[in-house]
Amino acid sequence: MKKILEHQVLFPVGAESDSFTAALASALVIVRGYTEETPYWCAPNSRYCIHCSSCGDHLLERHQESIYHCLLTASTLAFGFDYPWDDTVNPHSLPGFRSGWRWDDDFVDALARFAGFSWRRCGCTSTQEEVLSAIKSSVDAGFPTLLRLENEMEWILAVGYDGDTVYGLDSQFHALPDNWHSMLRDAIVITGSTAPDMSCRELLERIASALSYEEHTALESVIMDVLDHVTPENAMDVAGMMCGINGVPIEARWHAAESFCGAENLLCDIFTDKEIHSRLRDILSARYISCGNDETHGIGWKIWGALGVGPETGYAVTRQSADLILQKETQETLKCLFAKIFENDRAVCAEIRSCLEQL
């Protein structure tokens, strides 16, 4: 017997650095029954898509990207300076993520309650027959399964089968190798669609806790101290550190702001108080993505510029970055720019706490 799920969205779509969230976003396109005919709310134009440009030719991708915005926000990953699966960072800048973290049950369960799906886990101790049976049952019910294989930081979707052959989806649709089970690290089986069960209060409390976390706050002082002690011997490492810290917020805060800018999405759906939603949309837009407003996304590009980093370097530091960061002017510029990022986070956190008092 053969069955392949429809309405697949290859991932990542655009700026999506978190493989798990991208895989789950593509899974939820299927779970929630989106098609190319499902109306899509275009935030930049404040209307449903009327196919005024080529982006409207790929509405499933737009829906996937909208889900990604919301999942990254609800998980709080949008508000850190590192991703918790990155073992080179200790301690992490977000609460609840220990060293060696690997998509714990509490993390997945919170996203399931937010987005509305039921799930179960098959670990690497499950037999191939058990995992294959779970994948087939899920696909037969119309739901994909998230798999983490030998490249343990990357997730793929199991979206079909033909006998014992499993078909996977990531940046392409392909048959998994026959020995896929020997590479299995984790499997999250989506078993159904449920009513979302995360309140507006819980969501905002989670975000406020992330933005006010002690390690998040302490990082600002660490950055300033490191920039005060740049030497020819450590210049390359310091440049790499600054580039690495910048890489998450420049992208992740953009996703957070986009999640609040939608009029119809997973996040908007749980805001019964539209006045509060409007206030938060305004503050996240102003502090994270509004061009020319010392917003975090634009500041991130300035930080890369000060380090001589950009698409031409693959967004990685070079020897020039080390030379630049040895200059006092560059050090002071970076201090000022990072300070604005932290100030933006504090302003967003303050507005969220104000909204919580109103709820």
Protein backbone atom coordinates (compact mmCIF):
# COMPACT_ATOMS: atom_id res chain seq x y z
CA MET A 1 0.00 0.00 0.00
CA LYS A 2 1.16 3.54 -0.77
CA LYS A 3 0.03 6.87 0.66
CA ILE A 4 1.56 10.34 0.28
CA LEU A 5 0.20 13.37 2.11
CA GLU A 6 -0.77 16.37 0.02
CA HIS A 7 -0.12 20.11 0.46
CA GLN A 8 3.54 19.67 1.28
CA VAL A 9 5.73 22.72 1.93
CA LEU A 10 9.48 22.29 1.54
CA PHE A 11 11.42 23.94 4.33
CA PRO A 12 13.10 26.12 5.43
CA VAL A 13 11.05 28.91 3.87
CA GLY A 14 12.96 32.19 3.80
CA ALA A 15 14.77 33.11 7.02
CA GLU A 16 14.04 30.01 9.11
CA SER A 17 17.11 28.89 11.05
CA ASP A 18 15.41 26.55 13.52
CA SER A 19 14.94 23.19 11.80
CA PHE A 20 12.43 21.85 14.36
CA THR A 21 10.15 24.88 14.16
CA ALA A 22 10.34 24.91 10.36
CA ALA A 23 9.47 21.20 10.21
CA LEU A 24 6.59 21.66 12.63
CA ALA A 25 5.31 24.67 10.67
CA SER A 26 5.23 22.59 7.48
CA ALA A 27 3.54 19.77 9.38
CA LEU A 28 0.85 22.12 10.67
CA VAL A 29 0.06 23.33 7.15
CA ILE A 30 -1.08 19.74 6.57
CA VAL A 31 -2.63 19.22 10.03
CA ARG A 32 -4.71 22.39 9.78
CA GLY A 33 -5.87 21.58 6.27
CA TYR A 34 -4.39 24.56 4.46
CA THR A 35 -4.51 24.56 0.66
CA GLU A 36 -3.56 27.08 -2.02
CA GLU A 37 -7.17 28.25 -1.79
CA THR A 38 -7.04 29.06 1.94
CA PRO A 39 -7.20 32.88 2.32
CA TYR A 40 -3.90 34.38 3.48
CA TRP A 41 -3.73 37.65 5.40
CA CYS A 42 -0.98 39.90 4.01
CA ALA A 43 0.29 42.01 6.92
CA PRO A 44 2.28 44.54 4.82
CA ASN A 45 -0.84 45.40 2.81
CA SER A 46 -3.37 44.85 5.65
CA ARG A 47 -5.65 42.70 3.50
CA TYR A 48 -6.12 39.19 2.26
CA CYS A 49 -3.82 38.23 -0.60
CA ILE A 50 -5.09 39.44 -3.97
CA HIS A 51 -2.06 38.06 -5.85
CA CYS A 52 -0.66 41.53 -6.47
CA SER A 53 2.89 40.12 -6.68
CA SER A 54 4.66 36.83 -7.23
CA CYS A 55 4.64 35.95 -3.50
CA GLY A 56 0.93 35.23 -3.91
CA ASP A 57 1.80 32.38 -6.26
CA HIS A 58 3.01 30.35 -3.28
CA LEU A 59 0.35 30.76 -0.60
CA LEU A 60 1.16 27.49 1.18
CA GLU A 61 4.67 28.84 1.78
CA ARG A 62 3.18 32.06 3.14
CA HIS A 63 0.96 30.08 5.52
CA GLN A 64 3.96 28.00 6.63
CA GLU A 65 5.98 31.13 7.28
CA SER A 66 3.13 32.65 9.29
CA ILE A 67 2.95 29.51 11.43
CA TYR A 68 6.73 29.63 11.92
CA HIS A 69 6.48 33.25 13.16
CA CYS A 70 3.91 32.22 15.75
CA LEU A 71 5.61 29.01 16.88
CA LEU A 72 8.94 30.77 17.42
CA THR A 73 7.12 33.40 19.50
CA ALA A 74 5.00 31.00 21.57
CA SER A 75 8.03 28.81 22.30
CA THR A 76 9.96 31.96 23.45
CA LEU A 77 12.81 31.03 21.07
CA ALA A 78 12.20 34.37 19.35
CA PHE A 79 13.46 36.24 22.42
CA GLY A 80 16.85 34.71 23.12
CA PHE A 81 20.38 35.26 21.84
CA ASP A 82 21.02 31.60 21.08
CA TYR A 83 19.06 28.46 20.25
CA PRO A 84 18.91 25.95 23.12
CA TRP A 85 20.09 23.03 21.00
CA ASP A 86 23.41 24.84 20.51
CA ASP A 87 25.73 23.07 22.95
CA THR A 88 28.50 25.64 22.43
CA VAL A 89 26.45 28.08 24.57
CA ASN A 90 26.30 27.64 28.33
CA PRO A 91 24.32 29.02 30.05
CA HIS A 92 21.54 29.68 27.57
CA SER A 93 19.89 33.10 27.38
CA LEU A 94 16.38 31.69 27.84
CA PRO A 95 14.80 30.08 30.93
CA GLY A 96 13.98 26.37 30.99
CA PHE A 97 16.71 25.15 28.66
CA ARG A 98 19.49 23.15 30.29
CA SER A 99 22.81 22.26 28.70
CA GLY A 100 22.37 19.37 26.26
CA TRP A 101 18.68 20.14 25.76
CA ARG A 102 16.92 18.21 23.01
CA TRP A 103 13.30 19.27 22.44
CA ASP A 104 11.98 18.08 25.81
CA ASP A 105 8.40 16.91 26.33
CA ASP A 106 7.35 20.09 28.15
CA PHE A 107 8.58 22.19 25.23
CA VAL A 108 6.71 20.15 22.61
CA ASP A 109 3.60 19.97 24.79
CA ALA A 110 3.45 23.76 25.15
CA LEU A 111 3.58 24.13 21.37
CA ALA A 112 0.92 21.43 20.98
CA ARG A 113 -1.37 23.31 23.34
CA PHE A 114 -0.68 26.58 21.54
CA ALA A 115 -1.15 25.29 17.99
CA GLY A 116 -3.73 22.60 18.66
CA PHE A 117 -2.41 19.12 17.97
CA SER A 118 -1.99 15.86 19.85
CA TRP A 119 1.24 13.92 19.72
CA ARG A 120 3.33 11.10 21.11
CA ARG A 121 7.02 10.36 21.09
CA CYS A 122 8.88 7.34 19.76
CA GLY A 123 12.45 7.32 21.00
CA CYS A 124 15.49 5.66 19.50
CA THR A 125 14.79 2.67 21.76
CA SER A 126 11.59 1.89 19.83
CA THR A 127 11.93 -0.88 17.29
CA GLN A 128 11.78 -0.16 13.57
CA GLU A 129 8.45 -1.98 13.39
CA GLU A 130 7.01 0.21 16.16
CA VAL A 131 8.15 3.48 14.60
CA LEU A 132 7.12 2.43 11.08
CA SER A 133 3.69 1.41 12.35
CA ALA A 134 3.30 4.77 14.11
CA ILE A 135 4.33 6.67 10.97
CA LYS A 136 1.91 4.70 8.79
CA SER A 137 -0.99 5.15 11.22
CA SER A 138 -0.30 8.87 11.41
CA VAL A 139 -0.07 9.26 7.63
CA ASP A 140 -3.25 7.18 7.16
CA ALA A 141 -5.00 9.65 9.49
CA GLY A 142 -3.66 12.58 7.44
CA PHE A 143 -0.82 13.67 9.72
CA PRO A 144 2.99 13.74 9.26
CA THR A 145 5.65 12.64 11.76
CA LEU A 146 8.72 14.67 12.72
CA LEU A 147 11.96 12.68 12.60
CA ARG A 148 15.44 13.51 13.84
CA LEU A 149 18.02 11.25 12.25
CA GLU A 150 21.82 10.99 12.24
CA ASN A 151 22.30 14.74 11.78
CA GLU A 152 20.78 15.21 15.21
CA MET A 153 20.17 18.96 14.94
CA GLU A 154 18.11 18.65 11.74
CA TRP A 155 14.49 17.52 11.56
CA ILE A 156 12.57 16.13 8.60
CA LEU A 157 8.93 15.17 8.07
CA ALA A 158 7.72 11.68 7.25
CA VAL A 159 4.90 12.46 4.83
CA GLY A 160 4.22 9.15 3.15
CA TYR A 161 5.08 5.52 2.66
CA ASP A 162 5.07 2.78 0.05
CA GLY A 163 5.19 -0.57 1.78
CA ASP A 164 8.18 -0.27 4.13
CA THR A 165 9.68 2.71 2.29
CA VAL A 166 9.24 6.00 4.13
CA TYR A 167 9.10 9.29 2.24
CA GLY A 168 10.62 12.34 3.90
CA LEU A 169 10.32 16.06 3.39
CA ASP A 170 12.79 18.84 4.15
CA SER A 171 14.34 20.98 1.41
CA GLN A 172 13.23 18.24 -0.99
CA PHE A 173 10.83 15.30 -1.16
CA HIS A 174 12.73 12.01 -1.07
CA ALA A 175 12.67 8.40 0.01
CA LEU A 176 14.53 7.73 3.24
CA PRO A 177 17.35 5.17 3.03
CA ASP A 178 16.43 1.63 4.01
CA ASN A 179 18.55 1.93 7.16
CA TRP A 180 16.77 5.09 8.41
CA HIS A 181 15.92 3.45 11.73
CA SER A 182 19.59 2.91 12.57
CA MET A 183 20.02 6.69 12.29
CA LEU A 184 16.90 7.55 14.34
CA ARG A 185 17.43 9.90 17.26
CA ASP A 186 13.85 11.01 17.92
CA ALA A 187 10.35 10.84 16.45
CA ILE A 188 7.39 13.06 17.29
CA VAL A 189 4.23 11.52 15.91
CA ILE A 190 1.32 13.90 15.35
CA THR A 191 -1.83 11.96 16.16
CA GLY A 192 -4.59 14.52 15.69
CA SER A 193 -5.85 18.08 15.55
CA THR A 194 -7.20 19.58 18.78
CA ALA A 195 -8.54 22.87 20.05
CA PRO A 196 -5.73 25.28 21.04
CA ASP A 197 -5.35 25.45 24.81
CA MET A 198 -2.94 28.27 25.69
CA SER A 199 -4.39 31.44 27.14
CA CYS A 200 -3.31 34.94 26.23
CA ARG A 201 -2.10 35.39 29.81
CA GLU A 202 0.08 32.29 29.71
CA LEU A 203 1.58 33.31 26.38
CA LEU A 204 2.48 36.80 27.60
CA GLU A 205 3.84 35.49 30.91
CA ARG A 206 6.11 33.11 28.99
CA ILE A 207 7.44 35.94 26.81
CA ALA A 208 7.93 38.31 29.77
CA SER A 209 9.80 35.59 31.65
CA ALA A 210 12.11 35.08 28.67
CA LEU A 211 12.82 38.79 28.22
CA SER A 212 13.52 39.33 31.93
CA TYR A 213 15.53 36.13 32.48
CA GLU A 214 18.67 36.75 34.51
CA GLU A 215 21.01 35.24 31.90
CA HIS A 216 19.35 37.35 29.20
CA THR A 217 19.94 40.47 31.27
CA ALA A 218 23.47 39.48 32.30
CA LEU A 219 24.56 39.01 28.69
CA GLU A 220 24.60 42.76 28.12
CA SER A 221 27.29 43.22 30.77
CA VAL A 222 29.24 40.27 29.39
CA ILE A 223 29.25 41.83 25.91
CA MET A 224 30.42 45.20 27.22
CA ASP A 225 33.18 43.61 29.29
CA VAL A 226 34.43 41.46 26.42
CA LEU A 227 34.55 44.48 24.11
CA ASP A 228 36.61 46.31 26.73
CA HIS A 229 39.27 43.59 26.60
CA VAL A 230 39.93 42.93 22.92
CA THR A 231 43.53 41.96 22.16
CA PRO A 232 45.35 40.84 19.00
CA GLU A 233 45.33 37.34 20.45
CA ASN A 234 41.56 37.12 21.07
CA ALA A 235 40.26 39.47 18.34
CA MET A 236 39.08 36.68 16.02
CA ASP A 237 37.28 34.88 18.84
CA VAL A 238 35.62 38.09 20.05
CA ALA A 239 34.49 38.96 16.53
CA GLY A 240 33.04 35.46 16.20
CA MET A 241 31.28 35.82 19.56
CA MET A 242 29.69 39.14 18.58
CA CYS A 243 28.62 37.77 15.22
CA GLY A 244 27.13 34.66 16.83
CA ILE A 245 25.18 36.62 19.44
CA ASN A 246 23.83 38.93 16.74
CA GLY A 247 22.74 36.10 14.46
CA VAL A 248 19.74 35.03 16.54
CA PRO A 249 17.99 38.32 17.42
CA ILE A 250 18.39 39.86 13.95
CA GLU A 251 16.23 37.04 12.63
CA ALA A 252 14.22 35.87 15.63
CA ARG A 253 12.92 39.28 16.77
CA TRP A 254 11.73 39.83 13.19
CA HIS A 255 9.69 36.62 13.43
CA ALA A 256 8.26 37.78 16.77
CA ALA A 257 7.15 41.11 15.35
CA GLU A 258 5.66 39.45 12.28
CA SER A 259 3.64 37.11 14.48
CA PHE A 260 1.95 40.10 16.14
CA CYS A 261 1.46 42.00 12.87
CA GLY A 262 -0.93 39.43 11.41
CA ALA A 263 -4.67 39.97 11.69
CA GLU A 264 -5.35 36.25 11.33
CA ASN A 265 -2.86 33.69 12.58
CA LEU A 266 -2.32 31.22 15.42
CA LEU A 267 -1.21 33.95 17.82
CA CYS A 268 -3.92 36.45 16.96
CA ASP A 269 -6.57 33.78 17.50
CA ILE A 270 -5.92 33.59 21.26
CA PHE A 271 -6.16 37.37 21.83
CA THR A 272 -9.77 38.05 22.81
CA ASP A 273 -8.76 41.58 23.84
CA LYS A 274 -7.97 43.21 20.51
CA GLU A 275 -6.84 46.44 22.17
CA ILE A 276 -4.04 44.57 23.93
CA HIS A 277 -3.13 42.81 20.71
CA SER A 278 -2.95 46.20 18.97
CA ARG A 279 -0.68 47.64 21.67
CA LEU A 280 1.69 44.70 21.42
CA ARG A 281 1.67 44.81 17.62
CA ASP A 282 2.70 48.45 17.78
CA ILE A 283 5.51 47.99 20.32
CA LEU A 284 7.01 44.90 18.66
CA SER A 285 6.80 46.51 15.25
CA ALA A 286 8.42 49.74 16.45
CA ARG A 287 11.16 48.07 18.48
CA TYR A 288 11.97 45.11 16.27
CA ILE A 289 11.25 45.80 12.58
CA SER A 290 10.22 49.41 11.78
CA CYS A 291 12.91 50.69 9.44
CA GLY A 292 14.93 53.73 10.52
CA ASN A 293 13.71 53.50 14.09
CA ASP A 294 16.76 51.93 15.80
CA GLU A 295 14.83 48.68 15.58
CA THR A 296 16.57 45.40 16.41
CA HIS A 297 16.46 43.98 12.89
CA GLY A 298 18.14 47.06 11.43
CA ILE A 299 20.63 47.25 14.30
CA GLY A 300 21.61 43.66 13.59
CA TRP A 301 22.60 44.62 10.05
CA LYS A 302 24.65 47.50 11.45
CA ILE A 303 26.46 45.09 13.78
CA TRP A 304 27.27 42.83 10.86
CA GLY A 305 28.45 45.88 8.93
CA ALA A 306 30.75 46.96 11.76
CA LEU A 307 32.27 43.47 11.67
CA GLY A 308 32.63 43.40 7.89
CA VAL A 309 30.10 40.58 7.73
CA GLY A 310 27.32 40.06 5.18
CA PRO A 311 26.09 37.83 2.37
CA GLU A 312 29.46 38.16 0.68
CA THR A 313 31.11 36.43 3.68
CA GLY A 314 28.32 33.92 4.22
CA TYR A 315 27.45 35.91 7.36
CA ALA A 316 30.65 34.59 8.95
CA VAL A 317 33.59 36.56 10.34
CA THR A 318 36.81 36.92 8.39
CA ARG A 319 40.31 38.14 9.16
CA GLN A 320 39.03 41.61 8.37
CA SER A 321 36.52 41.23 11.23
CA ALA A 322 39.38 40.69 13.67
CA ASP A 323 41.21 43.74 12.34
CA LEU A 324 38.06 45.86 12.64
CA ILE A 325 37.22 44.82 16.18
CA LEU A 326 40.71 45.79 17.34
CA GLN A 327 39.80 49.39 16.58
CA LYS A 328 38.44 51.39 19.51
CA GLU A 329 35.87 53.02 17.26
CA THR A 330 34.44 49.62 16.28
CA GLN A 331 34.33 48.51 19.90
CA GLU A 332 32.37 51.60 20.94
CA THR A 333 30.05 51.27 17.95
CA LEU A 334 29.28 47.67 18.86
CA LYS A 335 28.64 48.59 22.49
CA CYS A 336 26.14 51.23 21.44
CA LEU A 337 24.39 48.93 18.99
CA PHE A 338 24.08 46.00 21.38
CA ALA A 339 22.82 48.36 24.11
CA LYS A 340 19.97 49.37 21.79
CA ILE A 341 19.02 45.72 21.25
CA PHE A 342 18.74 45.19 25.00
CA GLU A 343 16.83 48.46 25.41
CA ASN A 344 14.35 47.31 22.78
CA ASP A 345 13.82 44.05 24.66
CA ARG A 346 13.26 45.95 27.91
CA ALA A 347 10.69 48.22 26.24
CA VAL A 348 8.80 45.23 24.83
CA CYS A 349 8.91 43.46 28.19
CA ALA A 350 7.58 46.55 29.98
CA GLU A 351 4.63 46.83 27.60
CA ILE A 352 3.85 43.13 27.98
CA ARG A 353 3.86 43.47 31.77
CA SER A 354 1.56 46.49 31.48
CA CYS A 355 -0.82 44.43 29.35
CA LEU A 356 -0.73 41.60 31.87
CA GLU A 357 -1.88 44.02 34.58
CA GLN A 358 -4.85 44.90 32.38
CA LEU A 359 -5.93 41.30 31.79
